[in-house]
Amino acid sequence: MATDESEDVRVGDRYVWMDRKITISRIDDEVVDFEVLTDDGKSWSSKTGLPLPHQWIKAGSGPVPQLYCLNHPLREVEPGQFFCPECVDQYAANWAGLPSSEVQEAMATMLEEVKNRER
């Protein structure tokens, strides 16, 4: 079923169109910012006006469940993590040469940022 022009659009709503997964990231007046992820893993951001394109098929509503990466809203997290495999690998590489105390401090800072995002 294509989008209904009378339907309210909210941040976190998810749509599909062809090979694309679309998540609404911001709504300001009649302009909607959205994130796109294709089946081949490419992603980008864009904007569109309201109403949304009628070809988009609604796949979910409301806030994105924390099954998705904090850095990449359309990528699933590693089990027990806040980040996708790409981010986990990147953080691991960045932290590999740090002393244990610095890693613990960085992790505490990151977790505090996560808590603040959820508020």
PDB file of N, CA and C in Angstrom:
ATOM      1  N   MET A   1       0.835  -1.170   0.000  1.00  0.00           N
ATOM      2  CA  MET A   1       0.000   0.000   0.000  1.00  0.00           C
ATOM      3  C   MET A   1       0.888   1.244   0.000  1.00  0.00           C
ATOM      4  N   ALA A   2       0.677   2.154  -0.923  1.00  0.00           N
ATOM      5  CA  ALA A   2       1.441   3.391  -1.023  1.00  0.00           C
ATOM      6  C   ALA A   2       1.050   4.331   0.101  1.00  0.00           C
ATOM      7  N   THR A   3       1.852   5.405   0.276  1.00  0.00           N
ATOM      8  CA  THR A   3       1.566   6.338   1.359  1.00  0.00           C
ATOM      9  C   THR A   3       0.239   7.040   1.142  1.00  0.00           C
ATOM     10  N   ASP A   4      -0.398   7.351   2.251  1.00  0.00           N
ATOM     11  CA  ASP A   4      -1.672   8.054   2.263  1.00  0.00           C
ATOM     12  C   ASP A   4      -1.375   9.518   2.552  1.00  0.00           C
ATOM     13  N   GLU A   5      -1.792  10.427   1.663  1.00  0.00           N
ATOM     14  CA  GLU A   5      -1.462  11.837   1.818  1.00  0.00           C
ATOM     15  C   GLU A   5      -1.994  12.431   3.109  1.00  0.00           C
ATOM     16  N   SER A   6      -3.053  11.889   3.657  1.00  0.00           N
ATOM     17  CA  SER A   6      -3.636  12.434   4.881  1.00  0.00           C
ATOM     18  C   SER A   6      -2.947  11.891   6.136  1.00  0.00           C
ATOM     19  N   GLU A   7      -2.075  10.925   5.980  1.00  0.00           N
ATOM     20  CA  GLU A   7      -1.408  10.278   7.104  1.00  0.00           C
ATOM     21  C   GLU A   7      -0.351  11.192   7.722  1.00  0.00           C
ATOM     22  N   ASP A   8      -0.318  11.254   9.065  1.00  0.00           N
ATOM     23  CA  ASP A   8       0.718  12.023   9.748  1.00  0.00           C
ATOM     24  C   ASP A   8       2.068  11.363   9.539  1.00  0.00           C
ATOM     25  N   VAL A   9       3.077  12.172   9.345  1.00  0.00           N
ATOM     26  CA  VAL A   9       4.448  11.683   9.188  1.00  0.00           C
ATOM     27  C   VAL A   9       5.195  12.068  10.451  1.00  0.00           C
ATOM     28  N   ARG A  10       5.900  11.093  11.052  1.00  0.00           N
ATOM     29  CA  ARG A  10       6.630  11.333  12.290  1.00  0.00           C
ATOM     30  C   ARG A  10       8.086  10.945  12.123  1.00  0.00           C
ATOM     31  N   VAL A  11       8.938  11.568  12.933  1.00  0.00           N
ATOM     32  CA  VAL A  11      10.346  11.173  12.969  1.00  0.00           C
ATOM     33  C   VAL A  11      10.404   9.713  13.389  1.00  0.00           C
ATOM     34  N   GLY A  12      11.196   8.936  12.684  1.00  0.00           N
ATOM     35  CA  GLY A  12      11.330   7.512  12.979  1.00  0.00           C
ATOM     36  C   GLY A  12      10.458   6.634  12.101  1.00  0.00           C
ATOM     37  N   ASP A  13       9.506   7.226  11.369  1.00  0.00           N
ATOM     38  CA  ASP A  13       8.707   6.416  10.443  1.00  0.00           C
ATOM     39  C   ASP A  13       9.627   5.825   9.392  1.00  0.00           C
ATOM     40  N   ARG A  14       9.316   4.584   9.000  1.00  0.00           N
ATOM     41  CA  ARG A  14      10.156   3.864   8.045  1.00  0.00           C
ATOM     42  C   ARG A  14       9.328   3.475   6.823  1.00  0.00           C
ATOM     43  N   TYR A  15       9.958   3.592   5.657  1.00  0.00           N
ATOM     44  CA  TYR A  15       9.313   3.294   4.387  1.00  0.00           C
ATOM     45  C   TYR A  15      10.250   2.462   3.533  1.00  0.00           C
ATOM     46  N   VAL A  16       9.698   1.791   2.544  1.00  0.00           N
ATOM     47  CA  VAL A  16      10.494   1.085   1.539  1.00  0.00           C
ATOM     48  C   VAL A  16      10.030   1.540   0.161  1.00  0.00           C
ATOM     49  N   TRP A  17      10.983   1.557  -0.762  1.00  0.00           N
ATOM     50  CA  TRP A  17      10.695   1.878  -2.154  1.00  0.00           C
ATOM     51  C   TRP A  17      11.787   1.230  -2.990  1.00  0.00           C
ATOM     52  N   MET A  18      11.409   0.311  -3.847  1.00  0.00           N
ATOM     53  CA  MET A  18      12.338  -0.473  -4.668  1.00  0.00           C
ATOM     54  C   MET A  18      13.372  -1.129  -3.741  1.00  0.00           C
ATOM     55  N   ASP A  19      14.671  -0.858  -3.953  1.00  0.00           N
ATOM     56  CA  ASP A  19      15.708  -1.479  -3.117  1.00  0.00           C
ATOM     57  C   ASP A  19      16.121  -0.576  -1.958  1.00  0.00           C
ATOM     58  N   ARG A  20      15.312   0.423  -1.631  1.00  0.00           N
ATOM     59  CA  ARG A  20      15.677   1.418  -0.627  1.00  0.00           C
ATOM     60  C   ARG A  20      14.849   1.284   0.653  1.00  0.00           C
ATOM     61  N   LYS A  21      15.544   1.445   1.785  1.00  0.00           N
ATOM     62  CA  LYS A  21      14.886   1.555   3.081  1.00  0.00           C
ATOM     63  C   LYS A  21      15.033   3.015   3.498  1.00  0.00           C
ATOM     64  N   ILE A  22      13.940   3.644   3.855  1.00  0.00           N
ATOM     65  CA  ILE A  22      13.914   5.078   4.121  1.00  0.00           C
ATOM     66  C   ILE A  22      13.430   5.300   5.547  1.00  0.00           C
ATOM     67  N   THR A  23      14.156   6.136   6.295  1.00  0.00           N
ATOM     68  CA  THR A  23      13.764   6.481   7.656  1.00  0.00           C
ATOM     69  C   THR A  23      13.679   7.997   7.770  1.00  0.00           C
ATOM     70  N   ILE A  24      12.571   8.489   8.287  1.00  0.00           N
ATOM     71  CA  ILE A  24      12.388   9.920   8.486  1.00  0.00           C
ATOM     72  C   ILE A  24      13.242  10.340   9.673  1.00  0.00           C
ATOM     73  N   SER A  25      14.136  11.323   9.474  1.00  0.00           N
ATOM     74  CA  SER A  25      15.032  11.740  10.549  1.00  0.00           C
ATOM     75  C   SER A  25      14.689  13.104  11.134  1.00  0.00           C
ATOM     76  N   ARG A  26      13.939  13.931  10.379  1.00  0.00           N
ATOM     77  CA  ARG A  26      13.584  15.261  10.882  1.00  0.00           C
ATOM     78  C   ARG A  26      12.427  15.813  10.064  1.00  0.00           C
ATOM     79  N   ILE A  27      11.565  16.563  10.728  1.00  0.00           N
ATOM     80  CA  ILE A  27      10.461  17.225  10.037  1.00  0.00           C
ATOM     81  C   ILE A  27      10.460  18.681  10.482  1.00  0.00           C
ATOM     82  N   ASP A  28      10.512  19.586   9.510  1.00  0.00           N
ATOM     83  CA  ASP A  28      10.530  21.013   9.805  1.00  0.00           C
ATOM     84  C   ASP A  28       9.568  21.692   8.848  1.00  0.00           C
ATOM     85  N   ASP A  29       8.435  22.154   9.381  1.00  0.00           N
ATOM     86  CA  ASP A  29       7.358  22.723   8.566  1.00  0.00           C
ATOM     87  C   ASP A  29       6.916  21.696   7.530  1.00  0.00           C
ATOM     88  N   GLU A  30       7.093  21.983   6.266  1.00  0.00           N
ATOM     89  CA  GLU A  30       6.663  21.074   5.204  1.00  0.00           C
ATOM     90  C   GLU A  30       7.839  20.345   4.557  1.00  0.00           C
ATOM     91  N   VAL A  31       9.025  20.379   5.212  1.00  0.00           N
ATOM     92  CA  VAL A  31      10.225  19.727   4.675  1.00  0.00           C
ATOM     93  C   VAL A  31      10.602  18.548   5.565  1.00  0.00           C
ATOM     94  N   VAL A  32      10.842  17.406   4.933  1.00  0.00           N
ATOM     95  CA  VAL A  32      11.179  16.176   5.644  1.00  0.00           C
ATOM     96  C   VAL A  32      12.601  15.762   5.282  1.00  0.00           C
ATOM     97  N   ASP A  33      13.458  15.583   6.302  1.00  0.00           N
ATOM     98  CA  ASP A  33      14.793  15.016   6.091  1.00  0.00           C
ATOM     99  C   ASP A  33      14.671  13.509   6.262  1.00  0.00           C
ATOM    100  N   PHE A  34      15.379  12.749   5.427  1.00  0.00           N
ATOM    101  CA  PHE A  34      15.312  11.297   5.547  1.00  0.00           C
ATOM    102  C   PHE A  34      16.648  10.662   5.224  1.00  0.00           C
ATOM    103  N   GLU A  35      16.846   9.458   5.755  1.00  0.00           N
ATOM    104  CA  GLU A  35      18.032   8.640   5.522  1.00  0.00           C
ATOM    105  C   GLU A  35      17.629   7.491   4.611  1.00  0.00           C
ATOM    106  N   VAL A  36      18.508   7.150   3.676  1.00  0.00           N
ATOM    107  CA  VAL A  36      18.230   6.083   2.724  1.00  0.00           C
ATOM    108  C   VAL A  36      19.331   5.035   2.815  1.00  0.00           C
ATOM    109  N   LEU A  37      18.942   3.767   2.796  1.00  0.00           N
ATOM    110  CA  LEU A  37      19.881   2.652   2.735  1.00  0.00           C
ATOM    111  C   LEU A  37      19.424   1.722   1.634  1.00  0.00           C
ATOM    112  N   THR A  38      20.335   1.395   0.709  1.00  0.00           N
ATOM    113  CA  THR A  38      19.988   0.486  -0.383  1.00  0.00           C
ATOM    114  C   THR A  38      20.411  -0.929  -0.030  1.00  0.00           C
ATOM    115  N   ASP A  39      19.905  -1.891  -0.794  1.00  0.00           N
ATOM    116  CA  ASP A  39      20.242  -3.294  -0.552  1.00  0.00           C
ATOM    117  C   ASP A  39      21.737  -3.568  -0.666  1.00  0.00           C
ATOM    118  N   ASP A  40      22.456  -2.755  -1.457  1.00  0.00           N
ATOM    119  CA  ASP A  40      23.891  -2.978  -1.608  1.00  0.00           C
ATOM    120  C   ASP A  40      24.716  -2.252  -0.545  1.00  0.00           C
ATOM    121  N   GLY A  41      24.036  -1.674   0.478  1.00  0.00           N
ATOM    122  CA  GLY A  41      24.726  -1.084   1.618  1.00  0.00           C
ATOM    123  C   GLY A  41      25.068   0.389   1.475  1.00  0.00           C
ATOM    124  N   LYS A  42      24.743   1.008   0.362  1.00  0.00           N
ATOM    125  CA  LYS A  42      25.016   2.433   0.197  1.00  0.00           C
ATOM    126  C   LYS A  42      23.964   3.229   0.960  1.00  0.00           C
ATOM    127  N   SER A  43      24.398   4.354   1.546  1.00  0.00           N
ATOM    128  CA  SER A  43      23.447   5.174   2.283  1.00  0.00           C
ATOM    129  C   SER A  43      23.710   6.645   2.005  1.00  0.00           C
ATOM    130  N   TRP A  44      22.664   7.443   2.156  1.00  0.00           N
ATOM    131  CA  TRP A  44      22.776   8.886   2.020  1.00  0.00           C
ATOM    132  C   TRP A  44      21.582   9.535   2.689  1.00  0.00           C
ATOM    133  N   SER A  45      21.646  10.864   2.791  1.00  0.00           N
ATOM    134  CA  SER A  45      20.554  11.655   3.366  1.00  0.00           C
ATOM    135  C   SER A  45      20.006  12.568   2.293  1.00  0.00           C
ATOM    136  N   SER A  46      18.739  12.933   2.432  1.00  0.00           N
ATOM    137  CA  SER A  46      18.127  13.849   1.481  1.00  0.00           C
ATOM    138  C   SER A  46      16.928  14.520   2.136  1.00  0.00           C
ATOM    139  N   LYS A  47      16.242  15.333   1.359  1.00  0.00           N
ATOM    140  CA  LYS A  47      15.049  16.041   1.831  1.00  0.00           C
ATOM    141  C   LYS A  47      13.955  15.898   0.795  1.00  0.00           C
ATOM    142  N   THR A  48      12.720  16.023   1.260  1.00  0.00           N
ATOM    143  CA  THR A  48      11.568  16.060   0.362  1.00  0.00           C
ATOM    144  C   THR A  48      10.487  16.885   1.032  1.00  0.00           C
ATOM    145  N   GLY A  49       9.553  17.328   0.244  1.00  0.00           N
ATOM    146  CA  GLY A  49       8.429  18.072   0.792  1.00  0.00           C
ATOM    147  C   GLY A  49       7.288  17.134   1.155  1.00  0.00           C
ATOM    148  N   LEU A  50       6.341  17.666   1.909  1.00  0.00           N
ATOM    149  CA  LEU A  50       5.130  16.905   2.217  1.00  0.00           C
ATOM    150  C   LEU A  50       4.084  17.228   1.160  1.00  0.00           C
ATOM    151  N   PRO A  51       3.269  16.310   0.769  1.00  0.00           N
ATOM    152  CA  PRO A  51       3.210  14.918   1.224  1.00  0.00           C
ATOM    153  C   PRO A  51       4.376  14.105   0.667  1.00  0.00           C
ATOM    154  N   LEU A  52       4.642  12.979   1.314  1.00  0.00           N
ATOM    155  CA  LEU A  52       5.709  12.089   0.874  1.00  0.00           C
ATOM    156  C   LEU A  52       5.374  11.504  -0.490  1.00  0.00           C
ATOM    157  N   PRO A  53       6.397  11.069  -1.233  1.00  0.00           N
ATOM    158  CA  PRO A  53       6.134  10.426  -2.532  1.00  0.00           C
ATOM    159  C   PRO A  53       5.170   9.253  -2.380  1.00  0.00           C
ATOM    160  N   HIS A  54       4.210   9.164  -3.256  1.00  0.00           N
ATOM    161  CA  HIS A  54       3.173   8.133  -3.134  1.00  0.00           C
ATOM    162  C   HIS A  54       3.714   6.719  -3.362  1.00  0.00           C
ATOM    163  N   GLN A  55       4.908   6.585  -3.962  1.00  0.00           N
ATOM    164  CA  GLN A  55       5.488   5.254  -4.199  1.00  0.00           C
ATOM    165  C   GLN A  55       6.055   4.622  -2.928  1.00  0.00           C
ATOM    166  N   TRP A  56       6.335   5.432  -1.908  1.00  0.00           N
ATOM    167  CA  TRP A  56       6.897   4.906  -0.669  1.00  0.00           C
ATOM    168  C   TRP A  56       5.840   4.088   0.059  1.00  0.00           C
ATOM    169  N   ILE A  57       6.228   2.906   0.498  1.00  0.00           N
ATOM    170  CA  ILE A  57       5.333   2.017   1.232  1.00  0.00           C
ATOM    171  C   ILE A  57       5.748   2.025   2.701  1.00  0.00           C
ATOM    172  N   LYS A  58       4.804   2.352   3.571  1.00  0.00           N
ATOM    173  CA  LYS A  58       5.121   2.442   4.995  1.00  0.00           C
ATOM    174  C   LYS A  58       5.448   1.065   5.555  1.00  0.00           C
ATOM    175  N   ALA A  59       6.585   0.995   6.280  1.00  0.00           N
ATOM    176  CA  ALA A  59       7.027  -0.269   6.852  1.00  0.00           C
ATOM    177  C   ALA A  59       7.009  -0.261   8.374  1.00  0.00           C
ATOM    178  N   GLY A  60       6.903   0.923   8.976  1.00  0.00           N
ATOM    179  CA  GLY A  60       6.894   1.011  10.430  1.00  0.00           C
ATOM    180  C   GLY A  60       6.703   2.437  10.871  1.00  0.00           C
ATOM    181  N   SER A  61       6.264   2.609  12.118  1.00  0.00           N
ATOM    182  CA  SER A  61       5.969   3.941  12.634  1.00  0.00           C
ATOM    183  C   SER A  61       6.766   4.260  13.876  1.00  0.00           C
ATOM    184  N   GLY A  62       6.915   5.558  14.099  1.00  0.00           N
ATOM    185  CA  GLY A  62       7.449   6.036  15.364  1.00  0.00           C
ATOM    186  C   GLY A  62       8.936   5.868  15.499  1.00  0.00           C
ATOM    187  N   PRO A  63       9.422   6.035  16.714  1.00  0.00           N
ATOM    188  CA  PRO A  63      10.869   5.977  16.948  1.00  0.00           C
ATOM    189  C   PRO A  63      11.459   4.651  16.488  1.00  0.00           C
ATOM    190  N   VAL A  64      12.654   4.748  15.937  1.00  0.00           N
ATOM    191  CA  VAL A  64      13.348   3.549  15.476  1.00  0.00           C
ATOM    192  C   VAL A  64      13.766   2.748  16.694  1.00  0.00           C
ATOM    193  N   PRO A  65      13.392   1.466  16.778  1.00  0.00           N
ATOM    194  CA  PRO A  65      13.805   0.669  17.932  1.00  0.00           C
ATOM    195  C   PRO A  65      15.326   0.564  17.993  1.00  0.00           C
ATOM    196  N   GLN A  66      15.881   0.411  19.182  1.00  0.00           N
ATOM    197  CA  GLN A  66      17.334   0.357  19.298  1.00  0.00           C
ATOM    198  C   GLN A  66      17.872  -0.976  18.785  1.00  0.00           C
ATOM    199  N   LEU A  67      17.486  -1.269  17.560  1.00  0.00           N
ATOM    200  CA  LEU A  67      18.074  -2.391  16.835  1.00  0.00           C
ATOM    201  C   LEU A  67      19.000  -1.838  15.776  1.00  0.00           C
ATOM    202  N   TYR A  68      19.081  -0.502  15.723  1.00  0.00           N
ATOM    203  CA  TYR A  68      19.827   0.158  14.672  1.00  0.00           C
ATOM    204  C   TYR A  68      20.987   0.945  15.243  1.00  0.00           C
ATOM    205  N   CYS A  69      22.041   1.040  14.469  1.00  0.00           N
ATOM    206  CA  CYS A  69      23.280   1.712  14.842  1.00  0.00           C
ATOM    207  C   CYS A  69      23.029   3.176  15.194  1.00  0.00           C
ATOM    208  N   LEU A  70      23.716   3.670  16.226  1.00  0.00           N
ATOM    209  CA  LEU A  70      23.584   5.074  16.601  1.00  0.00           C
ATOM    210  C   LEU A  70      24.174   5.999  15.550  1.00  0.00           C
ATOM    211  N   ASN A  71      25.172   5.527  14.816  1.00  0.00           N
ATOM    212  CA  ASN A  71      25.797   6.342  13.774  1.00  0.00           C
ATOM    213  C   ASN A  71      25.138   6.170  12.415  1.00  0.00           C
ATOM    214  N   HIS A  72      24.534   5.022  12.171  1.00  0.00           N
ATOM    215  CA  HIS A  72      23.915   4.704  10.882  1.00  0.00           C
ATOM    216  C   HIS A  72      22.492   4.220  11.149  1.00  0.00           C
ATOM    217  N   PRO A  73      21.506   5.115  11.103  1.00  0.00           N
ATOM    218  CA  PRO A  73      20.145   4.786  11.541  1.00  0.00           C
ATOM    219  C   PRO A  73      19.479   3.616  10.836  1.00  0.00           C
ATOM    220  N   LEU A  74      19.991   3.181   9.703  1.00  0.00           N
ATOM    221  CA  LEU A  74      19.332   2.102   8.977  1.00  0.00           C
ATOM    222  C   LEU A  74      20.098   0.784   9.019  1.00  0.00           C
ATOM    223  N   ARG A  75      21.203   0.753   9.738  1.00  0.00           N
ATOM    224  CA  ARG A  75      21.991  -0.482   9.831  1.00  0.00           C
ATOM    225  C   ARG A  75      21.753  -1.146  11.179  1.00  0.00           C
ATOM    226  N   GLU A  76      21.562  -2.453  11.153  1.00  0.00           N
ATOM    227  CA  GLU A  76      21.312  -3.180  12.399  1.00  0.00           C
ATOM    228  C   GLU A  76      22.578  -3.264  13.237  1.00  0.00           C
ATOM    229  N   VAL A  77      22.383  -3.256  14.558  1.00  0.00           N
ATOM    230  CA  VAL A  77      23.514  -3.314  15.480  1.00  0.00           C
ATOM    231  C   VAL A  77      24.027  -4.741  15.612  1.00  0.00           C
ATOM    232  N   GLU A  78      25.260  -4.845  16.059  1.00  0.00           N
ATOM    233  CA  GLU A  78      25.809  -6.124  16.464  1.00  0.00           C
ATOM    234  C   GLU A  78      25.067  -6.547  17.734  1.00  0.00           C
ATOM    235  N   PRO A  79      24.820  -7.827  17.937  1.00  0.00           N
ATOM    236  CA  PRO A  79      24.119  -8.262  19.153  1.00  0.00           C
ATOM    237  C   PRO A  79      24.811  -7.730  20.413  1.00  0.00           C
ATOM    238  N   GLY A  80      24.024  -7.108  21.292  1.00  0.00           N
ATOM    239  CA  GLY A  80      24.550  -6.575  22.541  1.00  0.00           C
ATOM    240  C   GLY A  80      25.309  -5.272  22.401  1.00  0.00           C
ATOM    241  N   GLN A  81      25.303  -4.671  21.221  1.00  0.00           N
ATOM    242  CA  GLN A  81      26.046  -3.439  20.972  1.00  0.00           C
ATOM    243  C   GLN A  81      25.105  -2.297  20.627  1.00  0.00           C
ATOM    244  N   PHE A  82      25.642  -1.097  20.540  1.00  0.00           N
ATOM    245  CA  PHE A  82      24.893   0.079  20.094  1.00  0.00           C
ATOM    246  C   PHE A  82      25.233   0.438  18.659  1.00  0.00           C
ATOM    247  N   PHE A  83      26.174  -0.304  18.046  1.00  0.00           N
ATOM    248  CA  PHE A  83      26.707   0.064  16.749  1.00  0.00           C
ATOM    249  C   PHE A  83      26.704  -1.114  15.776  1.00  0.00           C
ATOM    250  N   CYS A  84      26.715  -0.797  14.485  1.00  0.00           N
ATOM    251  CA  CYS A  84      26.767  -1.809  13.429  1.00  0.00           C
ATOM    252  C   CYS A  84      28.170  -2.420  13.367  1.00  0.00           C
ATOM    253  N   PRO A  85      28.338  -3.539  12.657  1.00  0.00           N
ATOM    254  CA  PRO A  85      29.656  -4.178  12.572  1.00  0.00           C
ATOM    255  C   PRO A  85      30.749  -3.242  12.063  1.00  0.00           C
ATOM    256  N   GLU A  86      30.427  -2.391  11.101  1.00  0.00           N
ATOM    257  CA  GLU A  86      31.426  -1.451  10.562  1.00  0.00           C
ATOM    258  C   GLU A  86      31.938  -0.514  11.651  1.00  0.00           C
ATOM    259  N   CYS A  87      31.025   0.032  12.455  1.00  0.00           N
ATOM    260  CA  CYS A  87      31.415   0.936  13.537  1.00  0.00           C
ATOM    261  C   CYS A  87      32.198   0.203  14.619  1.00  0.00           C
ATOM    262  N   VAL A  88      31.754  -0.998  14.961  1.00  0.00           N
ATOM    263  CA  VAL A  88      32.463  -1.789  15.979  1.00  0.00           C
ATOM    264  C   VAL A  88      33.902  -2.009  15.538  1.00  0.00           C
ATOM    265  N   ASP A  89      34.101  -2.376  14.265  1.00  0.00           N
ATOM    266  CA  ASP A  89      35.458  -2.581  13.749  1.00  0.00           C
ATOM    267  C   ASP A  89      36.268  -1.294  13.794  1.00  0.00           C
ATOM    268  N   GLN A  90      35.627  -0.182  13.436  1.00  0.00           N
ATOM    269  CA  GLN A  90      36.318   1.111  13.430  1.00  0.00           C
ATOM    270  C   GLN A  90      36.735   1.511  14.846  1.00  0.00           C
ATOM    271  N   TYR A  91      35.815   1.369  15.819  1.00  0.00           N
ATOM    272  CA  TYR A  91      36.156   1.702  17.200  1.00  0.00           C
ATOM    273  C   TYR A  91      37.258   0.777  17.721  1.00  0.00           C
ATOM    274  N   ALA A  92      37.175  -0.492  17.386  1.00  0.00           N
ATOM    275  CA  ALA A  92      38.193  -1.436  17.850  1.00  0.00           C
ATOM    276  C   ALA A  92      39.568  -1.041  17.307  1.00  0.00           C
ATOM    277  N   ALA A  93      39.627  -0.674  16.036  1.00  0.00           N
ATOM    278  CA  ALA A  93      40.901  -0.268  15.446  1.00  0.00           C
ATOM    279  C   ALA A  93      41.414   1.009  16.100  1.00  0.00           C
ATOM    280  N   ASN A  94      40.525   1.959  16.350  1.00  0.00           N
ATOM    281  CA  ASN A  94      40.932   3.228  16.973  1.00  0.00           C
ATOM    282  C   ASN A  94      41.412   3.031  18.408  1.00  0.00           C
ATOM    283  N   TRP A  95      40.792   2.093  19.121  1.00  0.00           N
ATOM    284  CA  TRP A  95      41.103   1.905  20.532  1.00  0.00           C
ATOM    285  C   TRP A  95      42.210   0.870  20.767  1.00  0.00           C
ATOM    286  N   ALA A  96      42.618   0.153  19.741  1.00  0.00           N
ATOM    287  CA  ALA A  96      43.569  -0.952  19.913  1.00  0.00           C
ATOM    288  C   ALA A  96      44.880  -0.508  20.555  1.00  0.00           C
ATOM    289  N   GLY A  97      45.356   0.691  20.240  1.00  0.00           N
ATOM    290  CA  GLY A  97      46.640   1.129  20.775  1.00  0.00           C
ATOM    291  C   GLY A  97      46.545   1.937  22.046  1.00  0.00           C
ATOM    292  N   LEU A  98      45.333   2.137  22.563  1.00  0.00           N
ATOM    293  CA  LEU A  98      45.159   2.958  23.765  1.00  0.00           C
ATOM    294  C   LEU A  98      45.359   2.130  25.035  1.00  0.00           C
ATOM    295  N   PRO A  99      45.848   2.769  26.084  1.00  0.00           N
ATOM    296  CA  PRO A  99      45.921   2.083  27.384  1.00  0.00           C
ATOM    297  C   PRO A  99      44.511   1.777  27.890  1.00  0.00           C
ATOM    298  N   SER A 100      44.382   0.773  28.706  1.00  0.00           N
ATOM    299  CA  SER A 100      43.095   0.321  29.225  1.00  0.00           C
ATOM    300  C   SER A 100      42.321   1.446  29.907  1.00  0.00           C
ATOM    301  N   SER A 101      42.984   2.289  30.658  1.00  0.00           N
ATOM    302  CA  SER A 101      42.291   3.371  31.373  1.00  0.00           C
ATOM    303  C   SER A 101      41.649   4.355  30.393  1.00  0.00           C
ATOM    304  N   GLU A 102      42.316   4.643  29.270  1.00  0.00           N
ATOM    305  CA  GLU A 102      41.753   5.554  28.276  1.00  0.00           C
ATOM    306  C   GLU A 102      40.541   4.929  27.579  1.00  0.00           C
ATOM    307  N   VAL A 103      40.603   3.629  27.326  1.00  0.00           N
ATOM    308  CA  VAL A 103      39.477   2.935  26.704  1.00  0.00           C
ATOM    309  C   VAL A 103      38.270   2.981  27.632  1.00  0.00           C
ATOM    310  N   GLN A 104      38.482   2.725  28.930  1.00  0.00           N
ATOM    311  CA  GLN A 104      37.381   2.772  29.888  1.00  0.00           C
ATOM    312  C   GLN A 104      36.778   4.173  29.953  1.00  0.00           C
ATOM    313  N   GLU A 105      37.629   5.193  29.929  1.00  0.00           N
ATOM    314  CA  GLU A 105      37.139   6.575  29.960  1.00  0.00           C
ATOM    315  C   GLU A 105      36.345   6.897  28.689  1.00  0.00           C
ATOM    316  N   ALA A 106      36.841   6.478  27.540  1.00  0.00           N
ATOM    317  CA  ALA A 106      36.144   6.712  26.272  1.00  0.00           C
ATOM    318  C   ALA A 106      34.795   5.991  26.255  1.00  0.00           C
ATOM    319  N   MET A 107      34.763   4.777  26.780  1.00  0.00           N
ATOM    320  CA  MET A 107      33.511   4.009  26.823  1.00  0.00           C
ATOM    321  C   MET A 107      32.499   4.698  27.742  1.00  0.00           C
ATOM    322  N   ALA A 108      32.944   5.191  28.879  1.00  0.00           N
ATOM    323  CA  ALA A 108      32.043   5.890  29.798  1.00  0.00           C
ATOM    324  C   ALA A 108      31.474   7.146  29.144  1.00  0.00           C
ATOM    325  N   THR A 109      32.305   7.882  28.433  1.00  0.00           N
ATOM    326  CA  THR A 109      31.847   9.086  27.721  1.00  0.00           C
ATOM    327  C   THR A 109      30.824   8.724  26.663  1.00  0.00           C
ATOM    328  N   MET A 110      31.105   7.676  25.905  1.00  0.00           N
ATOM    329  CA  MET A 110      30.199   7.245  24.845  1.00  0.00           C
ATOM    330  C   MET A 110      28.849   6.809  25.428  1.00  0.00           C
ATOM    331  N   LEU A 111      28.852   6.054  26.504  1.00  0.00           N
ATOM    332  CA  LEU A 111      27.603   5.620  27.125  1.00  0.00           C
ATOM    333  C   LEU A 111      26.799   6.802  27.662  1.00  0.00           C
ATOM    334  N   GLU A 112      27.497   7.807  28.179  1.00  0.00           N
ATOM    335  CA  GLU A 112      26.812   9.014  28.650  1.00  0.00           C
ATOM    336  C   GLU A 112      26.144   9.734  27.478  1.00  0.00           C
ATOM    337  N   GLU A 113      26.816   9.773  26.322  1.00  0.00           N
ATOM    338  CA  GLU A 113      26.224  10.381  25.129  1.00  0.00           C
ATOM    339  C   GLU A 113      24.976   9.617  24.694  1.00  0.00           C
ATOM    340  N   VAL A 114      25.026   8.299  24.775  1.00  0.00           N
ATOM    341  CA  VAL A 114      23.868   7.473  24.418  1.00  0.00           C
ATOM    342  C   VAL A 114      22.694   7.797  25.336  1.00  0.00           C
ATOM    343  N   LYS A 115      22.940   7.889  26.625  1.00  0.00           N
ATOM    344  CA  LYS A 115      21.887   8.211  27.584  1.00  0.00           C
ATOM    345  C   LYS A 115      21.282   9.584  27.275  1.00  0.00           C
ATOM    346  N   ASN A 116      22.118  10.555  26.925  1.00  0.00           N
ATOM    347  CA  ASN A 116      21.633  11.894  26.613  1.00  0.00           C
ATOM    348  C   ASN A 116      20.804  11.901  25.334  1.00  0.00           C
ATOM    349  N   ARG A 117      21.134  11.077  24.359  1.00  0.00           N
ATOM    350  CA  ARG A 117      20.368  10.996  23.113  1.00  0.00           C
ATOM    351  C   ARG A 117      18.977  10.438  23.370  1.00  0.00           C
ATOM    352  N   GLU A 118      18.861   9.549  24.345  1.00  0.00           N
ATOM    353  CA  GLU A 118      17.595   8.887  24.629  1.00  0.00           C
ATOM    354  C   GLU A 118      16.639   9.772  25.413  1.00  0.00           C
ATOM    355  N   ARG A 119      17.128  10.870  25.941  1.00  0.00           N
ATOM    356  CA  ARG A 119      16.284  11.784  26.732  1.00  0.00           C
ATOM    357  C   ARG A 119      15.471  12.670  25.857  1.00  0.00           C
TER     358      ARG A 119
END
